[in-house]
Protein backbone atom coordinates (compact mmCIF):
# COMPACT_ATOMS: atom_id res chain seq x y z
CA UNK A 1 79.13 163.73 62.95
CA UNK A 2 80.60 162.03 66.02
CA UNK A 3 80.79 163.95 69.31
CA UNK A 4 82.34 163.70 72.68
CA UNK A 5 82.95 166.34 75.35
CA UNK A 6 85.27 168.95 73.84
CA UNK A 7 85.51 167.29 70.37
CA UNK A 8 83.31 166.66 67.34
CA UNK A 9 84.50 164.33 64.60
CA UNK A 10 83.12 163.41 61.23
CA UNK A 11 83.09 159.81 60.10
CA UNK A 12 85.44 160.90 57.29
CA UNK A 13 87.98 162.11 59.89
CA UNK A 14 87.54 158.83 61.75
CA UNK A 15 88.33 156.84 58.61
CA UNK A 16 91.20 159.06 57.39
CA UNK A 17 93.06 159.07 60.67
CA UNK A 18 93.49 155.24 60.63
CA UNK A 19 95.42 155.34 57.35
CA UNK A 20 98.50 156.61 59.15
CA UNK A 21 101.31 154.20 59.92
CA UNK A 22 100.82 152.23 63.17
CA UNK A 23 102.91 153.40 66.08
CA UNK A 24 104.43 149.98 66.62
CA UNK A 25 106.07 147.13 64.73
CA UNK A 26 105.03 143.45 64.93
CA UNK A 27 107.53 140.71 64.38
CA UNK A 28 106.56 137.77 62.13
CA UNK A 29 105.87 134.66 64.20
CA UNK A 30 103.34 131.88 64.43
CA UNK A 31 100.32 132.75 66.58
CA UNK A 32 97.01 131.08 67.48
CA UNK A 33 94.03 131.80 65.24
CA UNK A 34 91.75 134.67 66.31
CA UNK A 35 88.13 135.33 65.28
CA UNK A 36 86.40 138.71 65.49
CA UNK A 37 82.92 139.26 66.87
CA UNK A 38 81.10 142.61 66.61
CA UNK A 39 77.90 143.64 68.41
CA UNK A 40 75.84 146.19 66.54
CA UNK A 41 72.73 148.29 67.20
CA UNK A 42 71.67 150.90 64.60
CA UNK A 43 75.16 152.00 63.57
CA UNK A 44 75.17 150.81 59.92
CA UNK A 45 77.78 153.21 58.56
CA UNK A 46 80.16 152.74 61.46
CA UNK A 47 79.70 148.98 61.26
CA UNK A 48 80.69 149.12 57.59
CA UNK A 49 83.90 150.98 58.48
CA UNK A 50 84.62 148.58 61.36
CA UNK A 51 84.11 145.50 59.11
CA UNK A 52 86.32 146.88 56.40
CA UNK A 53 89.24 147.50 58.81
CA UNK A 54 88.86 144.14 60.51
CA UNK A 55 88.58 142.23 57.21
CA UNK A 56 91.97 143.66 56.14
CA UNK A 57 93.52 141.90 59.18
CA UNK A 58 92.29 138.51 57.89
CA UNK A 59 90.70 137.09 61.05
CA UNK A 60 90.02 133.35 61.19
CA UNK A 61 86.27 134.14 61.31
CA UNK A 62 84.12 137.28 61.39
CA UNK A 63 80.78 137.35 63.21
CA UNK A 64 78.28 140.18 63.62
CA UNK A 65 75.51 140.00 66.18
CA UNK A 66 72.83 142.54 65.30
CA UNK A 67 70.63 143.54 68.20
CA UNK A 68 67.38 144.46 66.49
CA UNK A 69 68.66 147.33 64.31
CA UNK A 70 66.14 149.18 62.18
CA UNK A 71 68.64 151.21 60.10
CA UNK A 72 69.52 148.62 57.40
CA UNK A 73 72.56 147.25 59.20
CA UNK A 74 71.59 143.58 58.50
CA UNK A 75 70.94 144.23 54.84
CA UNK A 76 74.24 146.09 54.48
CA UNK A 77 76.21 143.21 55.98
CA UNK A 78 74.48 140.61 53.72
CA UNK A 79 75.04 142.76 50.64
CA UNK A 80 78.61 144.04 51.20
CA UNK A 81 80.19 141.39 53.48
CA UNK A 82 78.59 138.07 52.39
CA UNK A 83 81.33 135.99 54.08
CA UNK A 84 80.45 137.40 57.54
CA UNK A 85 78.49 135.09 59.88
CA UNK A 86 75.43 137.11 60.84
CA UNK A 87 73.50 136.57 64.04
CA UNK A 88 70.21 138.45 63.77
CA UNK A 89 68.38 139.14 67.02
CA UNK A 90 64.86 140.38 66.17
CA UNK A 91 64.86 142.52 69.33
CA UNK A 92 67.65 144.04 71.37
CA UNK A 93 68.48 141.51 74.11
CA UNK A 94 71.28 143.67 75.52
CA UNK A 95 75.02 143.87 74.84
CA UNK A 96 75.99 140.85 76.96
CA UNK A 97 73.45 138.58 75.30
CA UNK A 98 74.43 139.73 71.83
CA UNK A 99 78.12 139.16 72.64
CA UNK A 100 77.43 135.69 74.07
CA UNK A 101 75.54 134.67 70.95
CA UNK A 102 78.31 136.03 68.70
CA UNK A 103 81.06 134.20 70.60
CA UNK A 104 78.98 130.98 70.55
CA UNK A 105 79.33 131.02 66.76
CA UNK A 106 83.12 131.31 66.91
CA UNK A 107 85.38 128.27 66.80
CA UNK A 108 88.81 129.95 67.18
CA UNK A 109 90.60 129.78 70.52
CA UNK A 110 90.77 133.57 70.68
CA UNK A 111 88.07 136.11 69.87
CA UNK A 112 88.40 139.85 69.53
CA UNK A 113 85.08 141.30 70.66
CA UNK A 114 84.45 144.76 69.28
CA UNK A 115 81.89 147.54 69.48
CA UNK A 116 80.67 148.62 66.06
CA UNK A 117 82.07 152.13 66.65
CA UNK A 118 85.66 150.93 66.65
CA UNK A 119 88.32 150.53 64.02
CA UNK A 120 91.37 148.31 64.52
CA UNK A 121 94.76 149.71 63.52
CA UNK A 122 97.00 147.58 61.32
CA UNK A 123 98.73 144.82 63.22
CA UNK A 124 96.35 144.93 66.23
CA UNK A 125 95.07 141.36 65.77
CA UNK A 126 98.59 139.94 65.45
CA UNK A 127 99.68 141.80 68.59
CA UNK A 128 96.71 140.62 70.64
CA UNK A 129 97.08 137.02 69.49
CA UNK A 130 100.75 137.03 70.32
CA UNK A 131 100.07 138.53 73.77
CA UNK A 132 97.54 135.82 74.64
CA UNK A 133 99.97 133.17 73.39
CA UNK A 134 102.66 134.42 75.71
CA UNK A 135 100.45 135.05 78.78
CA UNK A 136 98.66 131.81 79.57
CA UNK A 137 96.73 133.15 82.57
CA UNK A 138 95.36 136.12 80.63
CA UNK A 139 91.66 135.50 79.89
CA UNK A 140 91.13 139.04 78.56
CA UNK A 141 93.45 141.50 76.96
CA UNK A 142 92.47 145.14 76.25
CA UNK A 143 94.28 147.11 73.56
CA UNK A 144 95.20 150.75 73.75
CA UNK A 145 92.05 152.74 72.89
CA UNK A 146 92.39 156.12 71.21
CA UNK A 147 90.10 158.87 70.02
CA UNK A 148 90.01 159.62 66.26
CA UNK A 149 92.56 162.40 66.82
CA UNK A 150 95.00 159.92 68.29
CA UNK A 151 94.75 160.98 71.92
CA UNK A 152 94.60 158.30 74.59
CA UNK A 153 91.22 157.02 75.76
CA UNK A 154 91.34 155.75 79.37
CA UNK A 155 90.43 152.05 79.32
CA UNK A 156 91.76 150.26 82.40
CA UNK A 157 90.42 150.86 85.86
CA UNK A 158 90.34 149.47 89.43
CA UNK A 159 87.23 147.60 90.59
CA UNK A 160 84.55 149.66 92.36
CA UNK A 161 85.07 149.74 96.14
CA UNK A 162 83.23 151.29 99.06
CA UNK A 163 83.19 155.15 98.94
CA UNK A 164 84.80 155.07 95.49
CA UNK A 165 82.63 156.19 92.58
CA UNK A 166 80.54 153.28 91.34
CA UNK A 167 80.30 154.57 87.75
CA UNK A 168 82.98 153.86 85.18
CA UNK A 169 83.12 157.57 84.19
CA UNK A 170 83.84 158.57 87.77
CA UNK A 171 86.61 156.00 88.40
CA UNK A 172 90.27 157.01 88.24
CA UNK A 173 92.02 155.23 85.45
CA UNK A 174 95.26 153.25 85.85
CA UNK A 175 98.58 153.99 84.01
CA UNK A 176 98.51 153.07 80.31
CA UNK A 177 102.24 153.09 79.59
CA UNK A 178 103.07 149.43 79.78
CA UNK A 179 101.54 145.99 79.37
CA UNK A 180 100.46 143.84 82.33
CA UNK A 181 97.61 142.68 84.60
CA UNK A 182 94.85 145.16 85.49
CA UNK A 183 91.50 144.72 87.26
CA UNK A 184 89.36 145.40 84.18
CA UNK A 185 89.42 147.01 80.73
CA UNK A 186 86.71 148.86 78.79
CA UNK A 187 84.62 146.46 76.70
CA UNK A 188 84.82 148.41 73.41
CA UNK A 189 87.60 145.98 72.39
CA UNK A 190 88.40 142.77 74.27
CA UNK A 191 90.70 139.98 73.12
CA UNK A 192 89.15 136.97 74.80
CA UNK A 193 90.50 133.47 75.54
CA UNK A 194 87.36 131.53 74.68
CA UNK A 195 88.06 128.60 77.04
CA UNK A 196 88.23 130.93 80.05
CA UNK A 197 85.15 132.89 78.90
CA UNK A 198 83.12 129.74 78.58
CA UNK A 199 84.40 128.39 81.89
CA UNK A 200 82.78 131.24 83.83
CA UNK A 201 79.60 131.28 81.74
CA UNK A 202 80.39 134.29 79.53
CA UNK A 203 78.76 137.64 80.08
CA UNK A 204 76.03 137.91 82.69
CA UNK A 205 73.07 138.84 80.48
CA UNK A 206 71.02 140.31 83.28
CA UNK A 207 73.08 143.52 83.11
CA UNK A 208 71.73 144.30 79.61
CA UNK A 209 73.95 147.42 79.26
CA UNK A 210 77.14 148.57 81.03
CA UNK A 211 79.28 146.79 83.60
CA UNK A 212 79.17 143.47 81.75
CA UNK A 213 82.97 143.63 81.29
CA UNK A 214 83.56 144.71 84.87
CA UNK A 215 81.50 141.77 86.15
CA UNK A 216 83.19 139.37 83.73
CA UNK A 217 86.71 140.37 84.76
CA UNK A 218 85.69 140.14 88.45
CA UNK A 219 84.38 136.62 88.02
CA UNK A 220 87.40 135.61 85.98
CA UNK A 221 89.73 136.80 88.69
CA UNK A 222 87.84 134.79 91.30
CA UNK A 223 88.25 131.76 89.02
CA UNK A 224 92.05 132.25 88.83
CA UNK A 225 92.27 134.09 85.51
CA UNK A 226 93.71 137.53 84.78
CA UNK A 227 92.72 140.60 82.79
CA UNK A 228 95.55 142.38 80.97
CA UNK A 229 96.20 145.61 79.09
CA UNK A 230 98.72 146.09 76.27
CA UNK A 231 99.62 149.34 74.52
CA UNK A 232 101.14 147.36 71.60
CA UNK A 233 97.77 146.90 69.93
CA UNK A 234 95.71 149.96 69.15
CA UNK A 235 91.99 150.44 68.39
CA UNK A 236 90.17 153.66 67.55
CA UNK A 237 86.97 154.11 69.50
CA UNK A 238 84.34 156.80 68.88
CA UNK A 239 82.63 156.30 72.27
CA UNK A 240 78.91 155.82 72.60
CA UNK A 241 77.71 155.71 68.96
CA UNK A 242 74.78 153.49 69.91
CA UNK A 243 74.16 154.76 73.46
CA UNK A 244 73.85 158.45 72.49
CA UNK A 245 70.68 157.52 70.63
CA UNK A 246 68.98 156.97 74.00
CA UNK A 247 71.03 159.16 76.32
CA UNK A 248 68.67 159.34 79.34
CA UNK A 249 67.85 155.63 79.17
CA UNK A 250 71.54 154.75 79.03
CA UNK A 251 72.32 157.10 81.93
CA UNK A 252 69.76 155.29 84.06
CA UNK A 253 71.00 151.93 82.83
CA UNK A 254 74.63 152.56 83.79
CA UNK A 255 73.64 153.68 87.28
CA UNK A 256 71.43 150.66 87.84
CA UNK A 257 74.13 148.28 86.51
CA UNK A 258 76.74 149.80 88.80
CA UNK A 259 74.49 149.26 91.79
CA UNK A 260 73.71 145.72 90.68
CA UNK A 261 77.44 144.94 90.34
CA UNK A 262 78.02 146.21 93.88
CA UNK A 263 75.12 144.21 95.34
CA UNK A 264 76.30 140.99 93.72
CA UNK A 265 79.95 141.17 94.74
CA UNK A 266 79.91 142.85 98.17
CA UNK A 267 78.22 142.12 101.47
CA UNK A 268 77.77 143.60 104.92
CA UNK A 269 79.29 146.98 105.90
CA UNK A 270 81.15 147.58 102.60
CA UNK A 271 77.93 147.10 100.70
CA UNK A 272 75.96 149.36 103.06
CA UNK A 273 78.63 152.01 102.92
CA UNK A 274 78.87 151.99 99.15
CA UNK A 275 75.13 152.11 98.62
CA UNK A 276 74.65 154.90 101.19
CA UNK A 277 77.38 156.96 99.49
CA UNK A 278 75.82 156.43 96.07
CA UNK A 279 72.38 157.32 97.36
CA UNK A 280 73.74 160.58 98.87
CA UNK A 281 75.51 161.41 95.59
CA UNK A 282 72.30 160.82 93.65
CA UNK A 283 70.33 163.08 95.98
CA UNK A 284 72.98 165.73 95.51
CA UNK A 285 72.73 165.47 91.75
CA UNK A 286 68.92 165.78 91.97
CA UNK A 287 69.32 168.99 94.03
CA UNK A 288 72.06 170.38 91.76
CA UNK A 289 70.16 169.76 88.49
CA UNK A 290 66.95 171.11 90.02
CA UNK A 291 68.74 174.41 90.62
CA UNK A 292 70.25 174.32 87.11
CA UNK A 293 66.85 173.66 85.60
CA UNK A 294 65.35 176.63 87.36
CA UNK A 295 68.12 178.85 85.99
CA UNK A 296 68.22 177.38 82.46
CA UNK A 297 66.96 179.52 79.59
CA UNK A 298 67.47 177.46 76.43
CA UNK A 299 64.95 174.79 75.41
CA UNK A 300 67.73 172.29 74.73
CA UNK A 301 69.37 172.72 78.13
CA UNK A 302 66.02 172.47 79.96
CA UNK A 303 65.12 169.32 78.03
CA UNK A 304 68.42 167.66 78.91
CA UNK A 305 68.16 168.63 82.58
CA UNK A 306 64.57 167.39 82.71
CA UNK A 307 65.78 163.98 81.48
CA UNK A 308 68.57 163.92 84.07
CA UNK A 309 66.19 164.86 86.88
CA UNK A 310 63.87 161.99 85.89
CA UNK A 311 66.84 159.61 86.09
CA UNK A 312 67.99 160.78 89.56
CA UNK A 313 64.35 160.66 90.88
CA UNK A 314 63.93 157.11 89.53
CA UNK A 315 67.09 155.96 91.30
CA UNK A 316 66.05 157.56 94.59
CA UNK A 317 62.54 156.15 94.48
CA UNK A 318 63.37 152.53 93.66
CA UNK A 319 66.93 151.91 94.80
CA UNK A 320 67.46 153.03 98.37
CA UNK A 321 70.57 151.92 100.30
CA UNK A 322 68.42 149.34 102.07
CA UNK A 323 67.16 147.70 98.93
CA UNK A 324 68.59 144.26 97.99
C-alpha cells in the first residue's frame, strides 16, 4: 500500500490510473533527444513500474542509479531491463550524489531525472523536450505532478526567505495553471538541460537528502539560467516511497538541509532573523509534542511522538541561531 495524509493507495491503483488517456495532445515535431535517469533506494516494485512506463516513451538512454538497495532492485533491473545502464552504488551516498552519477552516464542534451516512485504519463517526454527546445534559458523544467487519483500535487514554490517557513512542506505553493518561470520545482521529476547542469557543478552532494533541487535552482538563477514549470507534461508521484522507510531520520534530514541552504545563501540580518525564527518554531514543536506525548494513549502514537521529540531536541542542541 502507498499512503499519504488523507489517502491510501495500492500499487495496483497507481498502475491502473495511468492507463487513462492523457489530458493533453502533443503535436508531431522534431525535438532534441532526451535521456531518463532514475535514482532508486529500496523501491524495487515501484522502480519496475517506473521503468516500464518510461521505456514505452522510448528515451534516448535509460540510466538507473541504485543507492545501496538491499531489496533486489539491482537484480530486477538486470533481469527485466537488460538495456538499462545501471550505476550501482554499494552504499547510499545520498540523492544528489546518485543523481550526479546517473547524469554523468548520459550523453543526451536533455535528461529527465525521476524518483523511482513516479510514473510518466504518455507524451510527457515529448512535451518536456519540446519545452526545453523552445525556451533556451530554461535549465530545468518541472512537469505537473499528480497523486494517483489525479489530484494536483503542489510542485513549484518560492525560495525560502527570512520569517518564511524554511521547510518545503510549510512553503506556500505558486499557481500551477500555466507554464512559465518559477523559483524552483520539486525534484521528483526534473527535465534538465545537461549543459547548464554541468556548468554549475550539478547537485551539491553535501545535502545528502532534501533541498538539493532548491539549491540547484538557486545557483542556476545566479548563473543566469531559469527554472520553469509546465502543466503540459504530467507525472504521477506517490510521494516519499523511500523516505517513509526512515521517517524520523528523514524529518531530521530535511530540517538540517533547510538550515544549511539558508546559511549558504543568506548573510547578516536576514540570516539571523531566519535562523532565530526557525529556532523558536522548533522549540514550540518540542513543547507541543511533549504535551501530546503526555496525553497519548496508543503505543503507535507515543512511538511516533517520541521520534519527533528526539528530532526537535537534536535540532535545538546542535543548531542554535548563532551556529555557522
